[in-house]
C-alpha atoms as a PDB file:
ATOM      1  CA  UNK A   1       0.000   0.000   0.000  1.00  0.00           C
ATOM      2  CA  UNK A   2       1.236   3.497  -0.858  1.00  0.00           C
ATOM      3  CA  UNK A   3       1.301   5.920   2.071  1.00  0.00           C
ATOM      4  CA  UNK A   4       2.411   8.868  -0.069  1.00  0.00           C
ATOM      5  CA  UNK A   5       1.536   9.441  -3.720  1.00  0.00           C
ATOM      6  CA  UNK A   6       2.543  12.468  -5.792  1.00  0.00           C
ATOM      7  CA  UNK A   7       1.678  12.751  -9.479  1.00  0.00           C
ATOM      8  CA  UNK A   8       2.890  15.438 -11.893  1.00  0.00           C
ATOM      9  CA  UNK A   9       3.299  18.135  -9.240  1.00  0.00           C
ATOM     10  CA  UNK A  10       4.074  21.611 -10.562  1.00  0.00           C
ATOM     11  CA  UNK A  11       4.911  24.657  -8.462  1.00  0.00           C
ATOM     12  CA  UNK A  12       6.089  27.874 -10.090  1.00  0.00           C
ATOM     13  CA  UNK A  13       7.395  30.897  -8.219  1.00  0.00           C
ATOM     14  CA  UNK A  14       7.678  34.366  -9.717  1.00  0.00           C
ATOM     15  CA  UNK A  15      10.883  36.089  -8.632  1.00  0.00           C
ATOM     16  CA  UNK A  16      11.496  39.807  -9.175  1.00  0.00           C
ATOM     17  CA  UNK A  17      14.989  40.964 -10.114  1.00  0.00           C
ATOM     18  CA  UNK A  18      16.567  44.411 -10.326  1.00  0.00           C
ATOM     19  CA  UNK A  19      18.530  45.872 -13.215  1.00  0.00           C
ATOM     20  CA  UNK A  20      22.148  46.679 -12.435  1.00  0.00           C
ATOM     21  CA  UNK A  21      22.112  50.185 -13.898  1.00  0.00           C
ATOM     22  CA  UNK A  22      19.051  51.774 -12.298  1.00  0.00           C
ATOM     23  CA  UNK A  23      18.123  49.304  -9.577  1.00  0.00           C
ATOM     24  CA  UNK A  24      14.627  49.054 -11.067  1.00  0.00           C
ATOM     25  CA  UNK A  25      12.616  45.882 -10.909  1.00  0.00           C
ATOM     26  CA  UNK A  26      12.504  43.893 -14.115  1.00  0.00           C
ATOM     27  CA  UNK A  27       9.696  41.595 -15.196  1.00  0.00           C
ATOM     28  CA  UNK A  28       9.249  38.689 -12.750  1.00  0.00           C
ATOM     29  CA  UNK A  29      11.144  35.547 -13.667  1.00  0.00           C
ATOM     30  CA  UNK A  30       9.477  32.168 -13.296  1.00  0.00           C
ATOM     31  CA  UNK A  31      11.239  29.512 -11.234  1.00  0.00           C
ATOM     32  CA  UNK A  32       9.805  26.003 -11.562  1.00  0.00           C
ATOM     33  CA  UNK A  33      10.498  24.545  -8.132  1.00  0.00           C
ATOM     34  CA  UNK A  34       8.480  21.452  -9.048  1.00  0.00           C
ATOM     35  CA  UNK A  35       8.287  20.523 -12.712  1.00  0.00           C
ATOM     36  CA  UNK A  36       6.024  17.504 -13.069  1.00  0.00           C
ATOM     37  CA  UNK A  37       7.447  15.652 -10.090  1.00  0.00           C
ATOM     38  CA  UNK A  38       6.049  12.191  -9.344  1.00  0.00           C
ATOM     39  CA  UNK A  39       6.927   9.716  -6.592  1.00  0.00           C
ATOM     40  CA  UNK A  40       5.367   7.383  -4.038  1.00  0.00           C
ATOM     41  CA  UNK A  41       6.318   5.863  -0.685  1.00  0.00           C
ATOM     42  CA  UNK A  42       5.356   2.376   0.441  1.00  0.00           C
ATOM     43  CA  UNK A  43       3.731   2.077   3.846  1.00  0.00           C
ATOM     44  CA  UNK A  44       6.217   1.413   6.648  1.00  0.00           C
ATOM     45  CA  UNK A  45       9.304   2.336   4.602  1.00  0.00           C
ATOM     46  CA  UNK A  46      11.763   5.219   4.400  1.00  0.00           C
ATOM     47  CA  UNK A  47      12.177   7.195   1.186  1.00  0.00           C
ATOM     48  CA  UNK A  48      15.080   9.634   1.173  1.00  0.00           C
ATOM     49  CA  UNK A  49      14.879  12.548  -1.263  1.00  0.00           C
ATOM     50  CA  UNK A  50      18.281  13.837  -2.376  1.00  0.00           C
ATOM     51  CA  UNK A  51      18.990  16.801  -4.587  1.00  0.00           C
ATOM     52  CA  UNK A  52      21.312  19.773  -5.079  1.00  0.00           C
ATOM     53  CA  UNK A  53      20.563  23.258  -3.830  1.00  0.00           C
ATOM     54  CA  UNK A  54      17.276  24.478  -5.315  1.00  0.00           C
ATOM     55  CA  UNK A  55      16.221  21.052  -6.578  1.00  0.00           C
ATOM     56  CA  UNK A  56      12.752  21.319  -5.028  1.00  0.00           C
ATOM     57  CA  UNK A  57      13.028  19.063  -1.975  1.00  0.00           C
ATOM     58  CA  UNK A  58      11.615  21.481   0.577  1.00  0.00           C
ATOM     59  CA  UNK A  59       8.906  22.650  -1.846  1.00  0.00           C
ATOM     60  CA  UNK A  60       7.844  19.011  -2.229  1.00  0.00           C
ATOM     61  CA  UNK A  61       7.616  18.562   1.546  1.00  0.00           C
ATOM     62  CA  UNK A  62       5.602  21.776   1.904  1.00  0.00           C
ATOM     63  CA  UNK A  63       3.117  20.600  -0.722  1.00  0.00           C
ATOM     64  CA  UNK A  64       2.708  17.145   0.812  1.00  0.00           C
ATOM     65  CA  UNK A  65       2.224  18.624   4.296  1.00  0.00           C
ATOM     66  CA  UNK A  66      -0.420  21.125   3.063  1.00  0.00           C
ATOM     67  CA  UNK A  67       1.753  24.203   3.635  1.00  0.00           C
ATOM     68  CA  UNK A  68       1.735  24.996  -0.092  1.00  0.00           C
ATOM     69  CA  UNK A  69      -0.815  24.389  -2.814  1.00  0.00           C
ATOM     70  CA  UNK A  70       0.652  23.122  -6.110  1.00  0.00           C
ATOM     71  CA  UNK A  71      -0.210  24.864  -9.353  1.00  0.00           C
ATOM     72  CA  UNK A  72      -1.145  21.503 -10.837  1.00  0.00           C
ATOM     73  CA  UNK A  73      -0.848  17.804 -10.150  1.00  0.00           C
ATOM     74  CA  UNK A  74      -2.225  15.465  -7.513  1.00  0.00           C
ATOM     75  CA  UNK A  75      -1.031  14.217  -4.132  1.00  0.00           C
ATOM     76  CA  UNK A  76      -2.350  12.070  -1.314  1.00  0.00           C
ATOM     77  CA  UNK A  77      -1.000  11.096   2.105  1.00  0.00           C
ATOM     78  CA  UNK A  78      -2.348   8.066   3.992  1.00  0.00           C
ATOM     79  CA  UNK A  79      -5.104   7.855   1.384  1.00  0.00           C
ATOM     80  CA  UNK A  80      -6.268  11.454   1.902  1.00  0.00           C
ATOM     81  CA  UNK A  81      -6.174  14.030  -0.905  1.00  0.00           C
ATOM     82  CA  UNK A  82      -3.712  16.761   0.078  1.00  0.00           C
ATOM     83  CA  UNK A  83      -5.419  19.473  -1.983  1.00  0.00           C
ATOM     84  CA  UNK A  84      -9.079  18.644  -1.322  1.00  0.00           C
ATOM     85  CA  UNK A  85      -8.839  17.675   2.359  1.00  0.00           C
ATOM     86  CA  UNK A  86      -5.824  19.424   3.939  1.00  0.00           C
ATOM     87  CA  UNK A  87      -7.345  19.407   7.438  1.00  0.00           C
ATOM     88  CA  UNK A  88      -7.752  15.632   7.329  1.00  0.00           C
ATOM     89  CA  UNK A  89      -4.144  15.224   6.151  1.00  0.00           C
ATOM     90  CA  UNK A  90      -2.868  17.255   9.103  1.00  0.00           C
ATOM     91  CA  UNK A  91      -4.490  14.795  11.488  1.00  0.00           C
ATOM     92  CA  UNK A  92      -2.359  11.880  10.261  1.00  0.00           C
ATOM     93  CA  UNK A  93       1.050  13.448   9.593  1.00  0.00           C
ATOM     94  CA  UNK A  94       3.998  14.809  11.528  1.00  0.00           C
ATOM     95  CA  UNK A  95       6.510  17.360  10.262  1.00  0.00           C
ATOM     96  CA  UNK A  96       9.956  18.328  11.490  1.00  0.00           C
ATOM     97  CA  UNK A  97      11.439  21.140   9.420  1.00  0.00           C
ATOM     98  CA  UNK A  98      14.999  22.274   8.849  1.00  0.00           C
ATOM     99  CA  UNK A  99      15.015  24.356  12.031  1.00  0.00           C
ATOM    100  CA  UNK A 100      13.688  23.410  15.449  1.00  0.00           C
ATOM    101  CA  UNK A 101      10.232  24.999  15.825  1.00  0.00           C
ATOM    102  CA  UNK A 102      10.247  25.323  19.595  1.00  0.00           C
ATOM    103  CA  UNK A 103       9.827  28.254  21.985  1.00  0.00           C
ATOM    104  CA  UNK A 104      13.191  28.839  23.664  1.00  0.00           C
ATOM    105  CA  UNK A 105      11.690  30.653  26.649  1.00  0.00           C
ATOM    106  CA  UNK A 106       9.567  27.630  27.619  1.00  0.00           C
ATOM    107  CA  UNK A 107      10.727  24.358  29.097  1.00  0.00           C
ATOM    108  CA  UNK A 108      10.792  21.173  27.058  1.00  0.00           C
ATOM    109  CA  UNK A 109       7.731  19.885  28.910  1.00  0.00           C
ATOM    110  CA  UNK A 110       5.837  23.140  28.388  1.00  0.00           C
ATOM    111  CA  UNK A 111       6.575  23.059  24.649  1.00  0.00           C
ATOM    112  CA  UNK A 112       5.179  19.560  24.227  1.00  0.00           C
ATOM    113  CA  UNK A 113       2.096  20.297  26.317  1.00  0.00           C
ATOM    114  CA  UNK A 114       1.498  23.443  24.266  1.00  0.00           C
ATOM    115  CA  UNK A 115       1.668  21.488  20.993  1.00  0.00           C
ATOM    116  CA  UNK A 116      -0.639  18.816  22.394  1.00  0.00           C
ATOM    117  CA  UNK A 117      -3.187  21.420  23.474  1.00  0.00           C
ATOM    118  CA  UNK A 118      -3.053  22.937  19.977  1.00  0.00           C
ATOM    119  CA  UNK A 119      -4.135  19.475  18.786  1.00  0.00           C
ATOM    120  CA  UNK A 120      -7.093  19.892  21.186  1.00  0.00           C
ATOM    121  CA  UNK A 121      -5.974  17.275  23.668  1.00  0.00           C
ATOM    122  CA  UNK A 122      -7.249  17.605  27.210  1.00  0.00           C
ATOM    123  CA  UNK A 123      -4.854  18.845  29.900  1.00  0.00           C
ATOM    124  CA  UNK A 124      -4.463  15.343  31.301  1.00  0.00           C
ATOM    125  CA  UNK A 125      -3.874  13.768  27.879  1.00  0.00           C
ATOM    126  CA  UNK A 126      -1.413  16.519  26.902  1.00  0.00           C
ATOM    127  CA  UNK A 127       0.610  16.044  30.095  1.00  0.00           C
ATOM    128  CA  UNK A 128       0.684  12.276  29.676  1.00  0.00           C
ATOM    129  CA  UNK A 129       1.787  12.497  26.036  1.00  0.00           C
ATOM    130  CA  UNK A 130       4.500  15.044  26.884  1.00  0.00           C
ATOM    131  CA  UNK A 131       5.922  12.789  29.588  1.00  0.00           C
ATOM    132  CA  UNK A 132       5.809   9.788  27.259  1.00  0.00           C
ATOM    133  CA  UNK A 133       7.709  11.585  24.505  1.00  0.00           C
ATOM    134  CA  UNK A 134      10.290  13.095  26.855  1.00  0.00           C
ATOM    135  CA  UNK A 135      11.050   9.583  28.101  1.00  0.00           C
ATOM    136  CA  UNK A 136      11.181   8.167  24.573  1.00  0.00           C
ATOM    137  CA  UNK A 137      13.665  10.831  23.438  1.00  0.00           C
ATOM    138  CA  UNK A 138      15.836  10.690  26.578  1.00  0.00           C
ATOM    139  CA  UNK A 139      14.879  14.223  27.618  1.00  0.00           C
ATOM    140  CA  UNK A 140      13.172  13.534  30.939  1.00  0.00           C
ATOM    141  CA  UNK A 141      16.074  14.913  32.985  1.00  0.00           C
ATOM    142  CA  UNK A 142      15.910  18.196  31.038  1.00  0.00           C
ATOM    143  CA  UNK A 143      12.107  18.392  30.913  1.00  0.00           C
ATOM    144  CA  UNK A 144      11.835  21.406  33.237  1.00  0.00           C
ATOM    145  CA  UNK A 145      14.755  23.346  31.792  1.00  0.00           C
ATOM    146  CA  UNK A 146      14.240  26.236  29.333  1.00  0.00           C
ATOM    147  CA  UNK A 147      14.956  25.292  25.720  1.00  0.00           C
ATOM    148  CA  UNK A 148      17.643  27.979  25.517  1.00  0.00           C
ATOM    149  CA  UNK A 149      19.793  25.785  27.773  1.00  0.00           C
ATOM    150  CA  UNK A 150      19.490  22.766  25.437  1.00  0.00           C
ATOM    151  CA  UNK A 151      22.218  21.636  23.065  1.00  0.00           C
ATOM    152  CA  UNK A 152      21.537  21.547  19.309  1.00  0.00           C
ATOM    153  CA  UNK A 153      20.967  17.802  19.417  1.00  0.00           C
ATOM    154  CA  UNK A 154      18.517  18.095  22.306  1.00  0.00           C
ATOM    155  CA  UNK A 155      16.539  20.781  20.471  1.00  0.00           C
ATOM    156  CA  UNK A 156      16.303  18.639  17.352  1.00  0.00           C
ATOM    157  CA  UNK A 157      15.119  15.658  19.423  1.00  0.00           C
ATOM    158  CA  UNK A 158      12.481  17.811  21.098  1.00  0.00           C
ATOM    159  CA  UNK A 159      11.338  19.165  17.730  1.00  0.00           C
ATOM    160  CA  UNK A 160      11.012  15.614  16.430  1.00  0.00           C
ATOM    161  CA  UNK A 161       9.107  14.658  19.577  1.00  0.00           C
ATOM    162  CA  UNK A 162       6.686  17.543  18.943  1.00  0.00           C
ATOM    163  CA  UNK A 163       6.009  16.202  15.440  1.00  0.00           C
ATOM    164  CA  UNK A 164       4.888  12.910  17.012  1.00  0.00           C
ATOM    165  CA  UNK A 165       2.277  14.327  19.379  1.00  0.00           C
ATOM    166  CA  UNK A 166      -0.588  12.765  17.407  1.00  0.00           C
ATOM    167  CA  UNK A 167       1.225   9.481  16.617  1.00  0.00           C
ATOM    168  CA  UNK A 168       1.295  10.165  12.864  1.00  0.00           C
ATOM    169  CA  UNK A 169       0.940   7.538  10.184  1.00  0.00           C
ATOM    170  CA  UNK A 170       3.374   9.445   7.951  1.00  0.00           C
ATOM    171  CA  UNK A 171       6.302  11.545   9.146  1.00  0.00           C
ATOM    172  CA  UNK A 172       8.093  14.167   7.041  1.00  0.00           C
ATOM    173  CA  UNK A 173      11.626  15.102   8.087  1.00  0.00           C
ATOM    174  CA  UNK A 174      13.195  18.002   6.190  1.00  0.00           C
ATOM    175  CA  UNK A 175      16.957  17.813   6.781  1.00  0.00           C
ATOM    176  CA  UNK A 176      16.500  16.695  10.412  1.00  0.00           C
ATOM    177  CA  UNK A 177      20.196  16.603  11.334  1.00  0.00           C
ATOM    178  CA  UNK A 178      21.378  19.855   9.728  1.00  0.00           C
ATOM    179  CA  UNK A 179      23.802  21.622  12.047  1.00  0.00           C
ATOM    180  CA  UNK A 180      24.318  18.671  14.377  1.00  0.00           C
ATOM    181  CA  UNK A 181      27.753  17.324  15.240  1.00  0.00           C
ATOM    182  CA  UNK A 182      28.540  13.675  14.340  1.00  0.00           C
ATOM    183  CA  UNK A 183      27.457  12.424  17.765  1.00  0.00           C
ATOM    184  CA  UNK A 184      24.161  14.310  17.622  1.00  0.00           C
ATOM    185  CA  UNK A 185      23.558  12.991  14.121  1.00  0.00           C
ATOM    186  CA  UNK A 186      24.139   9.413  15.259  1.00  0.00           C
ATOM    187  CA  UNK A 187      21.688   9.903  18.130  1.00  0.00           C
ATOM    188  CA  UNK A 188      19.042  11.209  15.739  1.00  0.00           C
ATOM    189  CA  UNK A 189      19.601   8.271  13.406  1.00  0.00           C
ATOM    190  CA  UNK A 190      18.901   5.921  16.307  1.00  0.00           C
ATOM    191  CA  UNK A 191      15.664   7.740  17.111  1.00  0.00           C
ATOM    192  CA  UNK A 192      14.564   7.717  13.470  1.00  0.00           C
ATOM    193  CA  UNK A 193      15.301   3.990  13.134  1.00  0.00           C
ATOM    194  CA  UNK A 194      13.182   3.256  16.208  1.00  0.00           C
ATOM    195  CA  UNK A 195      10.277   5.210  14.689  1.00  0.00           C
ATOM    196  CA  UNK A 196      10.478   3.242  11.467  1.00  0.00           C
ATOM    197  CA  UNK A 197      10.593  -0.013  13.443  1.00  0.00           C
ATOM    198  CA  UNK A 198       7.319   1.029  15.069  1.00  0.00           C
ATOM    199  CA  UNK A 199       5.642   1.199  11.639  1.00  0.00           C
ATOM    200  CA  UNK A 200       5.812   4.907  10.795  1.00  0.00           C
ATOM    201  CA  UNK A 201       6.198   5.749   7.085  1.00  0.00           C
ATOM    202  CA  UNK A 202       8.942   8.301   6.584  1.00  0.00           C
ATOM    203  CA  UNK A 203       9.844  10.743   3.821  1.00  0.00           C
ATOM    204  CA  UNK A 204      13.250  12.223   4.545  1.00  0.00           C
ATOM    205  CA  UNK A 205      15.091  15.008   2.757  1.00  0.00           C
ATOM    206  CA  UNK A 206      18.755  15.325   3.555  1.00  0.00           C
ATOM    207  CA  UNK A 207      21.977  16.951   2.417  1.00  0.00           C
ATOM    208  CA  UNK A 208      24.034  14.184   4.033  1.00  0.00           C
ATOM    209  CA  UNK A 209      24.542  11.324   1.618  1.00  0.00           C
ATOM    210  CA  UNK A 210      25.682   8.965   4.379  1.00  0.00           C
ATOM    211  CA  UNK A 211      22.367   9.686   6.125  1.00  0.00           C
ATOM    212  CA  UNK A 212      20.416   8.417   3.130  1.00  0.00           C
ATOM    213  CA  UNK A 213      22.731   5.413   2.942  1.00  0.00           C
ATOM    214  CA  UNK A 214      22.117   4.682   6.616  1.00  0.00           C
ATOM    215  CA  UNK A 215      18.366   5.222   6.878  1.00  0.00           C
ATOM    216  CA  UNK A 216      16.610   4.849   3.529  1.00  0.00           C
ATOM    217  CA  UNK A 217      14.933   1.804   2.028  1.00  0.00           C
ATOM    218  CA  UNK A 218      14.876   3.696  -1.271  1.00  0.00           C
ATOM    219  CA  UNK A 219      16.388   6.932  -2.541  1.00  0.00           C
ATOM    220  CA  UNK A 220      14.878   9.397  -5.029  1.00  0.00           C
ATOM    221  CA  UNK A 221      17.305  11.850  -6.623  1.00  0.00           C
ATOM    222  CA  UNK A 222      15.636  15.148  -7.521  1.00  0.00           C
ATOM    223  CA  UNK A 223      17.022  17.854  -9.797  1.00  0.00           C
ATOM    224  CA  UNK A 224      15.288  20.844 -11.404  1.00  0.00           C
ATOM    225  CA  UNK A 225      11.978  19.831  -9.838  1.00  0.00           C
ATOM    226  CA  UNK A 226      11.900  16.283 -11.220  1.00  0.00           C
ATOM    227  CA  UNK A 227      12.848  12.810 -10.015  1.00  0.00           C
ATOM    228  CA  UNK A 228      15.785  11.826 -12.222  1.00  0.00           C
ATOM    229  CA  UNK A 229      16.665   8.504 -10.579  1.00  0.00           C
ATOM    230  CA  UNK A 230      15.277   6.156  -7.972  1.00  0.00           C
ATOM    231  CA  UNK A 231      16.303   2.901  -6.356  1.00  0.00           C
ATOM    232  CA  UNK A 232      18.020   1.373  -3.375  1.00  0.00           C
ATOM    233  CA  UNK A 233      21.466   2.640  -2.451  1.00  0.00           C
ATOM    234  CA  UNK A 234      23.073  -0.437  -4.016  1.00  0.00           C
ATOM    235  CA  UNK A 235      21.021  -0.129  -7.209  1.00  0.00           C
ATOM    236  CA  UNK A 236      22.018   3.500  -7.696  1.00  0.00           C
ATOM    237  CA  UNK A 237      25.666   2.713  -7.046  1.00  0.00           C
ATOM    238  CA  UNK A 238      25.587  -0.073  -9.641  1.00  0.00           C
ATOM    239  CA  UNK A 239      24.292   2.392 -12.232  1.00  0.00           C
ATOM    240  CA  UNK A 240      27.402   4.523 -11.773  1.00  0.00           C
ATOM    241  CA  UNK A 241      29.726   1.597 -12.353  1.00  0.00           C
ATOM    242  CA  UNK A 242      31.644  -1.203 -10.680  1.00  0.00           C
ATOM    243  CA  UNK A 243      34.609  -1.179  -8.350  1.00  0.00           C
ATOM    244  CA  UNK A 244      37.737   0.900  -8.763  1.00  0.00           C
ATOM    245  CA  UNK A 245      41.301  -0.083  -8.007  1.00  0.00           C
ATOM    246  CA  UNK A 246      43.040   2.759  -6.171  1.00  0.00           C
ATOM    247  CA  UNK A 247      46.743   2.970  -5.338  1.00  0.00           C
ATOM    248  CA  UNK A 248      48.540   5.793  -3.542  1.00  0.00           C
ATOM    249  CA  UNK A 249      52.329   5.960  -3.873  1.00  0.00           C
ATOM    250  CA  UNK A 250      55.225   8.381  -3.572  1.00  0.00           C
ATOM    251  CA  UNK A 251      55.468  10.799  -6.494  1.00  0.00           C
ATOM    252  CA  UNK A 252      58.530   9.114  -8.012  1.00  0.00           C
ATOM    253  CA  UNK A 253      56.633   5.836  -8.409  1.00  0.00           C
ATOM    254  CA  UNK A 254      53.609   7.261 -10.245  1.00  0.00           C
ATOM    255  CA  UNK A 255      54.874   6.487 -13.809  1.00  0.00           C
ATOM    256  CA  UNK A 256      55.759   2.888 -12.944  1.00  0.00           C
ATOM    257  CA  UNK A 257      52.481   2.276 -11.115  1.00  0.00           C
ATOM    258  CA  UNK A 258      50.562   3.779 -14.012  1.00  0.00           C
ATOM    259  CA  UNK A 259      52.062   1.137 -16.302  1.00  0.00           C
ATOM    260  CA  UNK A 260      51.186  -1.622 -13.840  1.00  0.00           C
ATOM    261  CA  UNK A 261      47.570  -0.480 -13.523  1.00  0.00           C
ATOM    262  CA  UNK A 262      47.264   0.000 -17.307  1.00  0.00           C
ATOM    263  CA  UNK A 263      47.985  -3.711 -17.760  1.00  0.00           C
ATOM    264  CA  UNK A 264      44.986  -4.481 -15.541  1.00  0.00           C
ATOM    265  CA  UNK A 265      42.585  -1.799 -16.815  1.00  0.00           C
ATOM    266  CA  UNK A 266      43.030   0.620 -19.748  1.00  0.00           C
ATOM    267  CA  UNK A 267      41.138   3.572 -18.242  1.00  0.00           C
ATOM    268  CA  UNK A 268      43.732   4.861 -15.805  1.00  0.00           C
ATOM    269  CA  UNK A 269      43.168   8.124 -13.943  1.00  0.00           C
ATOM    270  CA  UNK A 270      46.032   9.913 -12.189  1.00  0.00           C
ATOM    271  CA  UNK A 271      45.643  12.530  -9.456  1.00  0.00           C
ATOM    272  CA  UNK A 272      49.096  14.052  -9.056  1.00  0.00           C
ATOM    273  CA  UNK A 273      48.167  16.089  -5.985  1.00  0.00           C
ATOM    274  CA  UNK A 274      46.852  13.065  -4.098  1.00  0.00           C
ATOM    275  CA  UNK A 275      49.496  10.756  -5.645  1.00  0.00           C
ATOM    276  CA  UNK A 276      46.660   8.421  -6.541  1.00  0.00           C
ATOM    277  CA  UNK A 277      46.370   6.111  -9.531  1.00  0.00           C
ATOM    278  CA  UNK A 278      42.946   4.577 -10.111  1.00  0.00           C
ATOM    279  CA  UNK A 279      41.027   2.609 -12.725  1.00  0.00           C
ATOM    280  CA  UNK A 280      37.693   0.784 -12.991  1.00  0.00           C
ATOM    281  CA  UNK A 281      38.000  -2.991 -12.705  1.00  0.00           C
ATOM    282  CA  UNK A 282      35.514  -5.745 -13.435  1.00  0.00           C
ATOM    283  CA  UNK A 283      37.339  -8.606 -11.711  1.00  0.00           C
ATOM    284  CA  UNK A 284      37.372  -7.185  -8.186  1.00  0.00           C
ATOM    285  CA  UNK A 285      39.726  -8.985  -5.817  1.00  0.00           C
ATOM    286  CA  UNK A 286      41.484 -10.715  -8.722  1.00  0.00           C
ATOM    287  CA  UNK A 287      42.560  -7.314 -10.056  1.00  0.00           C
ATOM    288  CA  UNK A 288      43.667  -6.313  -6.573  1.00  0.00           C
ATOM    289  CA  UNK A 289      45.808  -9.443  -6.213  1.00  0.00           C
ATOM    290  CA  UNK A 290      47.372  -8.833  -9.642  1.00  0.00           C
ATOM    291  CA  UNK A 291      48.265  -5.295  -8.607  1.00  0.00           C
ATOM    292  CA  UNK A 292      49.781  -6.438  -5.293  1.00  0.00           C
ATOM    293  CA  UNK A 293      51.987  -9.024  -7.054  1.00  0.00           C
ATOM    294  CA  UNK A 294      53.115  -6.584  -9.752  1.00  0.00           C
ATOM    295  CA  UNK A 295      53.962  -3.903  -7.173  1.00  0.00           C
ATOM    296  CA  UNK A 296      55.883  -6.411  -5.084  1.00  0.00           C
ATOM    297  CA  UNK A 297      57.826  -7.620  -8.144  1.00  0.00           C
ATOM    298  CA  UNK A 298      58.710  -3.987  -8.915  1.00  0.00           C
ATOM    299  CA  UNK A 299      59.796  -3.326  -5.330  1.00  0.00           C
ATOM    300  CA  UNK A 300      57.175  -0.600  -4.892  1.00  0.00           C
ATOM    301  CA  UNK A 301      55.538  -0.263  -1.489  1.00  0.00           C
ATOM    302  CA  UNK A 302      52.235   1.679  -1.823  1.00  0.00           C
ATOM    303  CA  UNK A 303      51.087   4.122   0.820  1.00  0.00           C
ATOM    304  CA  UNK A 304      47.538   2.905   0.299  1.00  0.00           C
ATOM    305  CA  UNK A 305      45.972   0.215  -1.843  1.00  0.00           C
ATOM    306  CA  UNK A 306      42.428  -1.069  -2.184  1.00  0.00           C
ATOM    307  CA  UNK A 307      39.169  -1.533  -4.040  1.00  0.00           C
ATOM    308  CA  UNK A 308      36.563   1.195  -3.799  1.00  0.00           C
ATOM    309  CA  UNK A 309      32.864   0.762  -4.481  1.00  0.00           C
ATOM    310  CA  UNK A 310      30.984   3.783  -5.812  1.00  0.00           C
ATOM    311  CA  UNK A 311      29.601   5.929  -3.011  1.00  0.00           C
ATOM    312  CA  UNK A 312      26.379   7.913  -2.974  1.00  0.00           C
ATOM    313  CA  UNK A 313      28.589  10.949  -3.536  1.00  0.00           C
ATOM    314  CA  UNK A 314      29.662   9.391  -6.848  1.00  0.00           C
ATOM    315  CA  UNK A 315      26.034   8.667  -7.715  1.00  0.00           C
ATOM    316  CA  UNK A 316      24.950  12.192  -6.847  1.00  0.00           C
ATOM    317  CA  UNK A 317      27.700  13.842  -8.865  1.00  0.00           C
ATOM    318  CA  UNK A 318      27.164  11.525 -11.830  1.00  0.00           C
ATOM    319  CA  UNK A 319      23.407  12.126 -11.962  1.00  0.00           C
ATOM    320  CA  UNK A 320      23.189  15.839 -11.206  1.00  0.00           C
ATOM    321  CA  UNK A 321      26.591  17.247 -12.058  1.00  0.00           C
ATOM    322  CA  UNK A 322      26.553  18.919  -8.619  1.00  0.00           C
ATOM    323  CA  UNK A 323      27.838  18.149  -5.171  1.00  0.00           C
ATOM    324  CA  UNK A 324      25.212  17.764  -2.448  1.00  0.00           C
ATOM    325  CA  UNK A 325      24.164  21.055  -0.891  1.00  0.00           C
ATOM    326  CA  UNK A 326      21.570  22.292   1.536  1.00  0.00           C
ATOM    327  CA  UNK A 327      18.063  22.989   0.307  1.00  0.00           C
ATOM    328  CA  UNK A 328      16.599  26.170  -1.053  1.00  0.00           C
ATOM    329  CA  UNK A 329      15.224  28.613   1.469  1.00  0.00           C
END
């Protein structure tokens, strides 16, 4: 069953610009944030949406969470039409945006109770749900402290907790770990994995490729408002190509190592700055063993030697021609 369905979504913004000479506004320019975008998410799975800066990721999330109305196209979440019945959609979703939407002057407990009351829970139900979520997100000890005393990771966990007040069927996370240090990011990954294990369907946008690799069942790559590729992490990596043999040596050995690698694979690439010689190989460990023997016979001791599978960074660059960047504002 599909928990999220988007078909041919279009969203066009008109952006005014100024002429350099007089500073006068020119005719508005159209920016197609979504240009016929289509995707779906299976119930109980994680779909990660990747894309370069301005690709349309945040616009997509805003449409699916009823914060924006598309110019054309159709979308449904948990079987409810996003355009026709936005109020019903809001009852079954949770949203955590790029920045923690909490009141820094209130305590963590007060924030959660406030959100619960906005969902029209009774005082008793709001208090019980706040305590439950604070325990779930390891924030009980800080429950009565003002948010301004929280670390970045604690704020993000509280923001995620707030998005779960109504126990949503579908959760939208828009770059949930932006600005967190590696430890905070790992903690958030653990929380997200536990939510998925509980049966929540998740659509995740991220600028961290390792995050998509870690969390997603499937990945959709978006560029210029369209989905340009989709599949599991392994499927996307296979599309880029097979393994690469990589050898790092002292500068004086680069010519000799180039000849050795050329006998194994004809498409040799040399990075003089990194002192790295690399080439795609189809025989995997056999090619690696050949290289080790040839280097040993030549009396060359590499600084580094190994096989490298394509990473999501390679996939991203190959598909979009860009490095991964944060989303449009």
